[in-house]
PDB file of N, CA and C in Angstrom:
ATOM      1  N   MET A   1     -13.056   8.981   2.438  1.00  0.00           N
ATOM      2  CA  MET A   1     -11.635   9.240   2.697  1.00  0.00           C
ATOM      3  C   MET A   1     -10.528   7.810   2.300  1.00  0.00           C
ATOM      4  N   LYS A   2      -9.799   8.296   1.585  1.00  0.00           N
ATOM      5  CA  LYS A   2      -8.677   7.022   1.031  1.00  0.00           C
ATOM      6  C   LYS A   2      -8.019   6.602   2.171  1.00  0.00           C
ATOM      7  N   LYS A   3      -8.310   5.264   2.237  1.00  0.00           N
ATOM      8  CA  LYS A   3      -7.491   4.514   2.939  1.00  0.00           C
ATOM      9  C   LYS A   3      -6.159   3.723   2.709  1.00  0.00           C
ATOM     10  N   ALA A   4      -4.811   3.849   3.202  1.00  0.00           N
ATOM     11  CA  ALA A   4      -3.734   3.489   2.262  1.00  0.00           C
ATOM     12  C   ALA A   4      -3.265   2.150   2.800  1.00  0.00           C
ATOM     13  N   GLN A   5      -3.115   1.260   2.361  1.00  0.00           N
ATOM     14  CA  GLN A   5      -2.628  -0.421   3.083  1.00  0.00           C
ATOM     15  C   GLN A   5      -1.206  -0.502   2.942  1.00  0.00           C
ATOM     16  N   LEU A   6      -0.834  -1.456   3.703  1.00  0.00           N
ATOM     17  CA  LEU A   6       0.429  -1.806   3.361  1.00  0.00           C
ATOM     18  C   LEU A   6       0.553  -3.438   3.001  1.00  0.00           C
ATOM     19  N   ILE A   7       0.796  -3.940   1.965  1.00  0.00           N
ATOM     20  CA  ILE A   7       0.917  -5.076   1.296  1.00  0.00           C
ATOM     21  C   ILE A   7       2.109  -5.781   1.292  1.00  0.00           C
ATOM     22  N   ILE A   8       2.265  -6.874   2.053  1.00  0.00           N
ATOM     23  CA  ILE A   8       3.603  -7.234   2.679  1.00  0.00           C
ATOM     24  C   ILE A   8       3.630  -8.484   1.748  1.00  0.00           C
ATOM     25  N   LEU A   9       5.048  -8.905   1.219  1.00  0.00           N
ATOM     26  CA  LEU A   9       4.925  -9.919   0.708  1.00  0.00           C
ATOM     27  C   LEU A   9       6.133 -10.295   1.620  1.00  0.00           C
ATOM     28  N   GLY A  10       6.030 -11.432   2.018  1.00  0.00           N
ATOM     29  CA  GLY A  10       7.501 -12.129   3.134  1.00  0.00           C
ATOM     30  C   GLY A  10       7.705 -13.608   2.506  1.00  0.00           C
ATOM     31  N   GLY A  11       9.027 -13.860   2.819  1.00  0.00           N
ATOM     32  CA  GLY A  11       9.430 -15.180   2.542  1.00  0.00           C
ATOM     33  C   GLY A  11      10.925 -15.177   2.478  1.00  0.00           C
ATOM     34  N   PHE A  12      11.139 -16.476   2.431  1.00  0.00           N
ATOM     35  CA  PHE A  12      12.715 -16.636   2.433  1.00  0.00           C
ATOM     36  C   PHE A  12      13.288 -16.456   1.018  1.00  0.00           C
ATOM     37  N   ALA A  13      14.506 -16.072   1.184  1.00  0.00           N
ATOM     38  CA  ALA A  13      15.313 -15.814  -0.229  1.00  0.00           C
ATOM     39  C   ALA A  13      14.767 -16.883  -1.253  1.00  0.00           C
ATOM     40  N   GLY A  14      14.441 -16.191  -2.412  1.00  0.00           N
ATOM     41  CA  GLY A  14      13.939 -17.348  -3.692  1.00  0.00           C
ATOM     42  C   GLY A  14      12.582 -17.667  -3.742  1.00  0.00           C
ATOM     43  N   ALA A  15      11.592 -17.274  -3.025  1.00  0.00           N
ATOM     44  CA  ALA A  15      10.530 -17.767  -2.643  1.00  0.00           C
ATOM     45  C   ALA A  15       9.804 -17.125  -4.295  1.00  0.00           C
ATOM     46  N   GLY A  16      10.212 -16.276  -4.453  1.00  0.00           N
ATOM     47  CA  GLY A  16       9.241 -15.278  -5.641  1.00  0.00           C
ATOM     48  C   GLY A  16       8.792 -13.882  -4.767  1.00  0.00           C
ATOM     49  N   LYS A  17       9.132 -13.548  -4.003  1.00  0.00           N
ATOM     50  CA  LYS A  17       8.627 -12.493  -3.712  1.00  0.00           C
ATOM     51  C   LYS A  17       8.742 -11.373  -4.354  1.00  0.00           C
ATOM     52  N   THR A  18      10.181 -11.164  -4.750  1.00  0.00           N
ATOM     53  CA  THR A  18      10.116  -9.951  -5.867  1.00  0.00           C
ATOM     54  C   THR A  18       9.454 -10.153  -7.024  1.00  0.00           C
ATOM     55  N   THR A  19       9.437 -11.250  -7.595  1.00  0.00           N
ATOM     56  CA  THR A  19       8.733 -11.400  -9.162  1.00  0.00           C
ATOM     57  C   THR A  19       7.166 -10.942  -8.757  1.00  0.00           C
ATOM     58  N   LEU A  20       6.795 -11.412  -7.544  1.00  0.00           N
ATOM     59  CA  LEU A  20       5.236 -11.024  -7.496  1.00  0.00           C
ATOM     60  C   LEU A  20       5.196  -9.716  -7.222  1.00  0.00           C
ATOM     61  N   ALA A  21       5.787  -9.122  -6.281  1.00  0.00           N
ATOM     62  CA  ALA A  21       5.588  -7.521  -6.326  1.00  0.00           C
ATOM     63  C   ALA A  21       5.688  -6.627  -7.581  1.00  0.00           C
ATOM     64  N   ASN A  22       6.794  -7.082  -8.433  1.00  0.00           N
ATOM     65  CA  ASN A  22       6.949  -6.388  -9.335  1.00  0.00           C
ATOM     66  C   ASN A  22       5.271  -6.539 -10.505  1.00  0.00           C
ATOM     67  N   LYS A  23       5.029  -7.839 -10.085  1.00  0.00           N
ATOM     68  CA  LYS A  23       3.743  -7.913 -10.955  1.00  0.00           C
ATOM     69  C   LYS A  23       2.804  -6.632 -10.310  1.00  0.00           C
ATOM     70  N   LEU A  24       2.629  -6.983  -9.193  1.00  0.00           N
ATOM     71  CA  LEU A  24       1.645  -6.209  -8.755  1.00  0.00           C
ATOM     72  C   LEU A  24       1.724  -4.946  -8.591  1.00  0.00           C
ATOM     73  N   SER A  25       2.676  -4.241  -8.502  1.00  0.00           N
ATOM     74  CA  SER A  25       3.141  -3.055  -8.618  1.00  0.00           C
ATOM     75  C   SER A  25       2.728  -2.573 -10.314  1.00  0.00           C
ATOM     76  N   SER A  26       2.893  -3.278 -11.067  1.00  0.00           N
ATOM     77  CA  SER A  26       2.640  -2.782 -12.454  1.00  0.00           C
ATOM     78  C   SER A  26       1.143  -2.920 -12.751  1.00  0.00           C
ATOM     79  N   GLN A  27       0.403  -3.826 -12.179  1.00  0.00           N
ATOM     80  CA  GLN A  27      -0.721  -4.239 -12.279  1.00  0.00           C
ATOM     81  C   GLN A  27      -1.509  -3.029 -11.814  1.00  0.00           C
ATOM     82  N   PHE A  28      -1.104  -2.664 -10.742  1.00  0.00           N
ATOM     83  CA  PHE A  28      -2.187  -1.769  -9.541  1.00  0.00           C
ATOM     84  C   PHE A  28      -1.075  -0.738  -9.622  1.00  0.00           C
ATOM     85  N   ASN A  29      -0.402  -0.524  -9.986  1.00  0.00           N
ATOM     86  CA  ASN A  29       0.626   0.889  -9.724  1.00  0.00           C
ATOM     87  C   ASN A  29       0.898   1.381  -8.524  1.00  0.00           C
ATOM     88  N   TYR A  30       1.151   0.361  -7.810  1.00  0.00           N
ATOM     89  CA  TYR A  30       1.463   0.626  -6.342  1.00  0.00           C
ATOM     90  C   TYR A  30       2.925   1.166  -6.290  1.00  0.00           C
ATOM     91  N   PRO A  31       3.354   1.861  -5.746  1.00  0.00           N
ATOM     92  CA  PRO A  31       4.980   1.888  -5.396  1.00  0.00           C
ATOM     93  C   PRO A  31       5.258   0.683  -4.530  1.00  0.00           C
ATOM     94  N   TYR A  32       6.650   0.127  -5.019  1.00  0.00           N
ATOM     95  CA  TYR A  32       6.947  -1.139  -4.267  1.00  0.00           C
ATOM     96  C   TYR A  32       8.380  -1.068  -4.030  1.00  0.00           C
ATOM     97  N   PHE A  33       8.787  -1.290  -2.591  1.00  0.00           N
ATOM     98  CA  PHE A  33       9.824  -1.231  -1.525  1.00  0.00           C
ATOM     99  C   PHE A  33      10.386  -2.497  -1.437  1.00  0.00           C
ATOM    100  N   GLY A  34      11.928  -2.690  -1.041  1.00  0.00           N
ATOM    101  CA  GLY A  34      12.284  -4.030  -1.039  1.00  0.00           C
ATOM    102  C   GLY A  34      13.460  -3.522  -0.296  1.00  0.00           C
ATOM    103  N   SER A  35      13.714  -4.725   0.660  1.00  0.00           N
ATOM    104  CA  SER A  35      14.808  -4.318   1.406  1.00  0.00           C
ATOM    105  C   SER A  35      16.160  -4.499   0.915  1.00  0.00           C
ATOM    106  N   ASP A  36      16.338  -5.491   0.017  1.00  0.00           N
ATOM    107  CA  ASP A  36      17.648  -5.378  -0.724  1.00  0.00           C
ATOM    108  C   ASP A  36      18.011  -4.387  -1.117  1.00  0.00           C
ATOM    109  N   THR A  37      17.108  -3.320  -1.897  1.00  0.00           N
ATOM    110  CA  THR A  37      17.155  -2.508  -3.031  1.00  0.00           C
ATOM    111  C   THR A  37      18.316  -1.118  -2.017  1.00  0.00           C
ATOM    112  N   ILE A  38      17.326  -1.256  -0.607  1.00  0.00           N
ATOM    113  CA  ILE A  38      17.914  -0.029   0.147  1.00  0.00           C
ATOM    114  C   ILE A  38      19.370  -0.723   0.581  1.00  0.00           C
ATOM    115  N   ASN A  39      19.414  -2.016   1.008  1.00  0.00           N
ATOM    116  CA  ASN A  39      20.566  -2.480   1.198  1.00  0.00           C
ATOM    117  C   ASN A  39      21.760  -2.391   0.269  1.00  0.00           C
ATOM    118  N   ASP A  40      21.447  -2.252  -1.008  1.00  0.00           N
ATOM    119  CA  ASP A  40      22.174  -1.974  -2.048  1.00  0.00           C
ATOM    120  C   ASP A  40      22.900  -1.049  -2.148  1.00  0.00           C
ATOM    121  N   ILE A  41      21.709  -0.158  -2.080  1.00  0.00           N
ATOM    122  CA  ILE A  41      22.400   1.293  -1.804  1.00  0.00           C
ATOM    123  C   ILE A  41      23.198   1.664  -0.853  1.00  0.00           C
ATOM    124  N   LEU A  42      22.897   1.325  -0.105  1.00  0.00           N
ATOM    125  CA  LEU A  42      23.671   1.926   1.631  1.00  0.00           C
ATOM    126  C   LEU A  42      25.031   0.835   1.598  1.00  0.00           C
ATOM    127  N   ARG A  43      25.359  -0.081   1.066  1.00  0.00           N
ATOM    128  CA  ARG A  43      26.835  -1.042   1.732  1.00  0.00           C
ATOM    129  C   ARG A  43      27.696  -0.043   1.117  1.00  0.00           C
ATOM    130  N   PRO A  44      27.887   0.340  -0.186  1.00  0.00           N
ATOM    131  CA  PRO A  44      29.013   1.167  -0.621  1.00  0.00           C
ATOM    132  C   PRO A  44      29.196   2.545  -0.015  1.00  0.00           C
ATOM    133  N   ILE A  45      28.093   2.656   0.347  1.00  0.00           N
ATOM    134  CA  ILE A  45      27.941   4.421   0.757  1.00  0.00           C
ATOM    135  C   ILE A  45      28.700   4.119   2.613  1.00  0.00           C
ATOM    136  N   LEU A  46      28.403   2.865   3.124  1.00  0.00           N
ATOM    137  CA  LEU A  46      28.790   2.899   4.549  1.00  0.00           C
ATOM    138  C   LEU A  46      29.963   2.051   4.438  1.00  0.00           C
ATOM    139  N   GLY A  47      30.634   1.325   3.623  1.00  0.00           N
ATOM    140  CA  GLY A  47      31.580   0.640   3.442  1.00  0.00           C
ATOM    141  C   GLY A  47      31.393  -0.863   4.604  1.00  0.00           C
ATOM    142  N   ARG A  48      30.325  -1.069   4.019  1.00  0.00           N
ATOM    143  CA  ARG A  48      29.834  -2.412   5.584  1.00  0.00           C
ATOM    144  C   ARG A  48      29.212  -3.684   4.738  1.00  0.00           C
ATOM    145  N   ASN A  49      29.482  -4.603   5.164  1.00  0.00           N
ATOM    146  CA  ASN A  49      28.689  -6.072   4.320  1.00  0.00           C
ATOM    147  C   ASN A  49      26.982  -6.070   4.547  1.00  0.00           C
ATOM    148  N   PHE A  50      26.748  -6.928   3.785  1.00  0.00           N
ATOM    149  CA  PHE A  50      25.197  -6.958   3.746  1.00  0.00           C
ATOM    150  C   PHE A  50      24.776  -7.369   5.293  1.00  0.00           C
ATOM    151  N   GLN A  51      25.305  -8.172   5.908  1.00  0.00           N
ATOM    152  CA  GLN A  51      24.655  -8.291   7.158  1.00  0.00           C
ATOM    153  C   GLN A  51      24.780  -7.153   8.281  1.00  0.00           C
ATOM    154  N   GLU A  52      25.885  -6.040   8.037  1.00  0.00           N
ATOM    155  CA  GLU A  52      26.001  -5.436   8.911  1.00  0.00           C
ATOM    156  C   GLU A  52      25.067  -4.505   8.601  1.00  0.00           C
ATOM    157  N   VAL A  53      24.756  -3.699   7.128  1.00  0.00           N
ATOM    158  CA  VAL A  53      23.953  -2.996   6.759  1.00  0.00           C
ATOM    159  C   VAL A  53      22.013  -3.204   7.194  1.00  0.00           C
ATOM    160  N   SER A  54      22.195  -4.243   6.830  1.00  0.00           N
ATOM    161  CA  SER A  54      20.931  -5.035   6.830  1.00  0.00           C
ATOM    162  C   SER A  54      19.860  -4.482   8.017  1.00  0.00           C
ATOM    163  N   PRO A  55      20.040  -4.289   9.041  1.00  0.00           N
ATOM    164  CA  PRO A  55      19.573  -3.422  10.088  1.00  0.00           C
ATOM    165  C   PRO A  55      19.400  -2.247  10.146  1.00  0.00           C
ATOM    166  N   ILE A  56      19.935  -1.357   9.103  1.00  0.00           N
ATOM    167  CA  ILE A  56      20.159  -0.066   8.746  1.00  0.00           C
ATOM    168  C   ILE A  56      19.232  -0.032   7.705  1.00  0.00           C
ATOM    169  N   ALA A  57      19.364  -0.700   6.739  1.00  0.00           N
ATOM    170  CA  ALA A  57      18.168  -0.792   5.604  1.00  0.00           C
ATOM    171  C   ALA A  57      16.548  -1.151   6.045  1.00  0.00           C
ATOM    172  N   TYR A  58      16.638  -1.751   7.145  1.00  0.00           N
ATOM    173  CA  TYR A  58      14.970  -1.999   7.531  1.00  0.00           C
ATOM    174  C   TYR A  58      14.756  -0.454   8.314  1.00  0.00           C
ATOM    175  N   ASP A  59      15.225  -0.120   8.825  1.00  0.00           N
ATOM    176  CA  ASP A  59      14.543   1.095   9.831  1.00  0.00           C
ATOM    177  C   ASP A  59      14.629   2.154   8.541  1.00  0.00           C
ATOM    178  N   VAL A  60      15.328   2.512   7.511  1.00  0.00           N
ATOM    179  CA  VAL A  60      15.124   3.105   6.730  1.00  0.00           C
ATOM    180  C   VAL A  60      13.896   2.832   5.766  1.00  0.00           C
ATOM    181  N   LEU A  61      13.536   1.600   5.421  1.00  0.00           N
ATOM    182  CA  LEU A  61      12.596   0.915   4.976  1.00  0.00           C
ATOM    183  C   LEU A  61      11.430   1.327   5.619  1.00  0.00           C
ATOM    184  N   TRP A  62      11.299   1.003   6.710  1.00  0.00           N
ATOM    185  CA  TRP A  62      10.032   1.051   7.993  1.00  0.00           C
ATOM    186  C   TRP A  62       9.967   2.814   7.898  1.00  0.00           C
ATOM    187  N   HIS A  63      10.670   3.674   7.790  1.00  0.00           N
ATOM    188  CA  HIS A  63      10.753   5.232   7.916  1.00  0.00           C
ATOM    189  C   HIS A  63       9.555   5.421   6.567  1.00  0.00           C
ATOM    190  N   VAL A  64      10.467   5.472   5.204  1.00  0.00           N
ATOM    191  CA  VAL A  64       9.660   5.457   4.311  1.00  0.00           C
ATOM    192  C   VAL A  64       8.513   4.705   3.956  1.00  0.00           C
ATOM    193  N   LEU A  65       8.261   3.946   4.650  1.00  0.00           N
ATOM    194  CA  LEU A  65       6.791   3.359   4.426  1.00  0.00           C
ATOM    195  C   LEU A  65       5.617   3.692   5.478  1.00  0.00           C
ATOM    196  N   ARG A  66       5.910   4.236   6.675  1.00  0.00           N
ATOM    197  CA  ARG A  66       5.309   4.995   7.523  1.00  0.00           C
ATOM    198  C   ARG A  66       5.110   6.422   7.020  1.00  0.00           C
ATOM    199  N   ILE A  67       5.999   7.213   6.138  1.00  0.00           N
ATOM    200  CA  ILE A  67       5.642   8.288   5.368  1.00  0.00           C
ATOM    201  C   ILE A  67       4.722   8.031   4.153  1.00  0.00           C
ATOM    202  N   GLN A  68       5.219   6.940   3.393  1.00  0.00           N
ATOM    203  CA  GLN A  68       3.929   6.439   2.050  1.00  0.00           C
ATOM    204  C   GLN A  68       2.599   6.889   3.050  1.00  0.00           C
ATOM    205  N   LEU A  69       2.341   5.621   4.406  1.00  0.00           N
ATOM    206  CA  LEU A  69       0.941   5.545   4.556  1.00  0.00           C
ATOM    207  C   LEU A  69       0.450   6.674   5.509  1.00  0.00           C
ATOM    208  N   SER A  70       0.930   7.581   5.934  1.00  0.00           N
ATOM    209  CA  SER A  70       0.425   8.621   6.323  1.00  0.00           C
ATOM    210  C   SER A  70       0.137   9.710   5.124  1.00  0.00           C
ATOM    211  N   ASN A  71       0.899   9.625   4.002  1.00  0.00           N
ATOM    212  CA  ASN A  71       0.368  10.015   2.922  1.00  0.00           C
ATOM    213  C   ASN A  71      -0.864   9.620   1.898  1.00  0.00           C
ATOM    214  N   LYS A  72      -1.160   8.400   2.662  1.00  0.00           N
ATOM    215  CA  LYS A  72      -2.038   7.742   1.894  1.00  0.00           C
ATOM    216  C   LYS A  72      -2.064   6.918   0.964  1.00  0.00           C
ATOM    217  N   VAL A  73      -0.905   6.617   0.812  1.00  0.00           N
ATOM    218  CA  VAL A  73      -0.251   5.610  -0.675  1.00  0.00           C
ATOM    219  C   VAL A  73      -0.148   4.078  -0.158  1.00  0.00           C
ATOM    220  N   THR A  74      -1.019   3.553  -0.656  1.00  0.00           N
ATOM    221  CA  THR A  74      -0.886   2.178  -0.700  1.00  0.00           C
ATOM    222  C   THR A  74       0.453   1.596  -1.234  1.00  0.00           C
ATOM    223  N   SER A  75       1.168   0.654  -0.326  1.00  0.00           N
ATOM    224  CA  SER A  75       2.482   0.317  -1.077  1.00  0.00           C
ATOM    225  C   SER A  75       2.957  -0.761  -1.039  1.00  0.00           C
ATOM    226  N   ILE A  76       3.707  -1.811  -1.311  1.00  0.00           N
ATOM    227  CA  ILE A  76       4.334  -3.140  -1.529  1.00  0.00           C
ATOM    228  C   ILE A  76       5.469  -2.982  -0.812  1.00  0.00           C
ATOM    229  N   LEU A  77       5.346  -4.189   0.089  1.00  0.00           N
ATOM    230  CA  LEU A  77       6.796  -4.421   0.648  1.00  0.00           C
ATOM    231  C   LEU A  77       7.483  -6.041   0.408  1.00  0.00           C
ATOM    232  N   ASP A  78       8.488  -6.059   0.022  1.00  0.00           N
ATOM    233  CA  ASP A  78       9.046  -7.233  -0.254  1.00  0.00           C
ATOM    234  C   ASP A  78      10.314  -7.474   0.508  1.00  0.00           C
ATOM    235  N   MET A  79       9.802  -8.234   1.628  1.00  0.00           N
ATOM    236  CA  MET A  79      10.866  -8.267   2.627  1.00  0.00           C
ATOM    237  C   MET A  79      11.136  -9.816   3.230  1.00  0.00           C
ATOM    238  N   ASN A  80      12.335 -10.263   3.407  1.00  0.00           N
ATOM    239  CA  ASN A  80      12.943 -11.763   3.980  1.00  0.00           C
ATOM    240  C   ASN A  80      12.213 -11.488   5.427  1.00  0.00           C
ATOM    241  N   MET A  81      11.682 -12.812   5.715  1.00  0.00           N
ATOM    242  CA  MET A  81      11.123 -13.047   6.965  1.00  0.00           C
ATOM    243  C   MET A  81      11.492 -13.727   7.686  1.00  0.00           C
ATOM    244  N   CYS A  82      12.852 -14.225   8.060  1.00  0.00           N
ATOM    245  CA  CYS A  82      13.839 -15.021   8.576  1.00  0.00           C
ATOM    246  C   CYS A  82      14.185 -14.331   9.648  1.00  0.00           C
ATOM    247  N   HIS A  83      13.996 -13.398   9.853  1.00  0.00           N
ATOM    248  CA  HIS A  83      14.593 -12.675  11.281  1.00  0.00           C
ATOM    249  C   HIS A  83      13.604 -12.332  12.147  1.00  0.00           C
ATOM    250  N   ASP A  84      13.539 -12.561  13.310  1.00  0.00           N
ATOM    251  CA  ASP A  84      12.666 -11.747  14.500  1.00  0.00           C
ATOM    252  C   ASP A  84      12.481 -10.296  14.237  1.00  0.00           C
ATOM    253  N   ARG A  85      13.529  -9.773  13.891  1.00  0.00           N
ATOM    254  CA  ARG A  85      13.271  -8.570  13.687  1.00  0.00           C
ATOM    255  C   ARG A  85      12.031  -7.982  12.542  1.00  0.00           C
ATOM    256  N   SER A  86      12.341  -8.948  11.360  1.00  0.00           N
ATOM    257  CA  SER A  86      11.140  -8.533  10.301  1.00  0.00           C
ATOM    258  C   SER A  86       9.924  -8.859  11.215  1.00  0.00           C
ATOM    259  N   TRP A  87       9.607  -9.889  12.010  1.00  0.00           N
ATOM    260  CA  TRP A  87       8.478  -9.750  12.434  1.00  0.00           C
ATOM    261  C   TRP A  87       7.603  -8.673  13.400  1.00  0.00           C
ATOM    262  N   GLU A  88       8.525  -8.384  14.220  1.00  0.00           N
ATOM    263  CA  GLU A  88       8.502  -7.111  15.513  1.00  0.00           C
ATOM    264  C   GLU A  88       8.365  -5.984  14.675  1.00  0.00           C
ATOM    265  N   SER A  89       8.420  -5.638  13.380  1.00  0.00           N
ATOM    266  CA  SER A  89       8.601  -4.399  12.651  1.00  0.00           C
ATOM    267  C   SER A  89       7.016  -4.363  12.457  1.00  0.00           C
ATOM    268  N   ILE A  90       6.379  -5.844  11.634  1.00  0.00           N
ATOM    269  CA  ILE A  90       5.462  -5.663  11.334  1.00  0.00           C
ATOM    270  C   ILE A  90       4.221  -5.360  12.586  1.00  0.00           C
TER     271      ILE A  90
END
């Protein structure tokens, strides 16, 4: 039976998480998810700023990742680790 894994690349802004996530995604053909991408999509829809949307973006992100893992799809997560909420979600 195939076991899915969640590969988490965490760190502060500018640490190179996205660059590494993109390289791993390309090399191993794993889907890549980033909180910034979801945040960028939700901000204009909700009409709120980055800080206001971030908690919502993380909730959406974790929901999608739970679905990926339940479908046995290994995925890569790029996330900023400077908030307590990030650590609690893991």
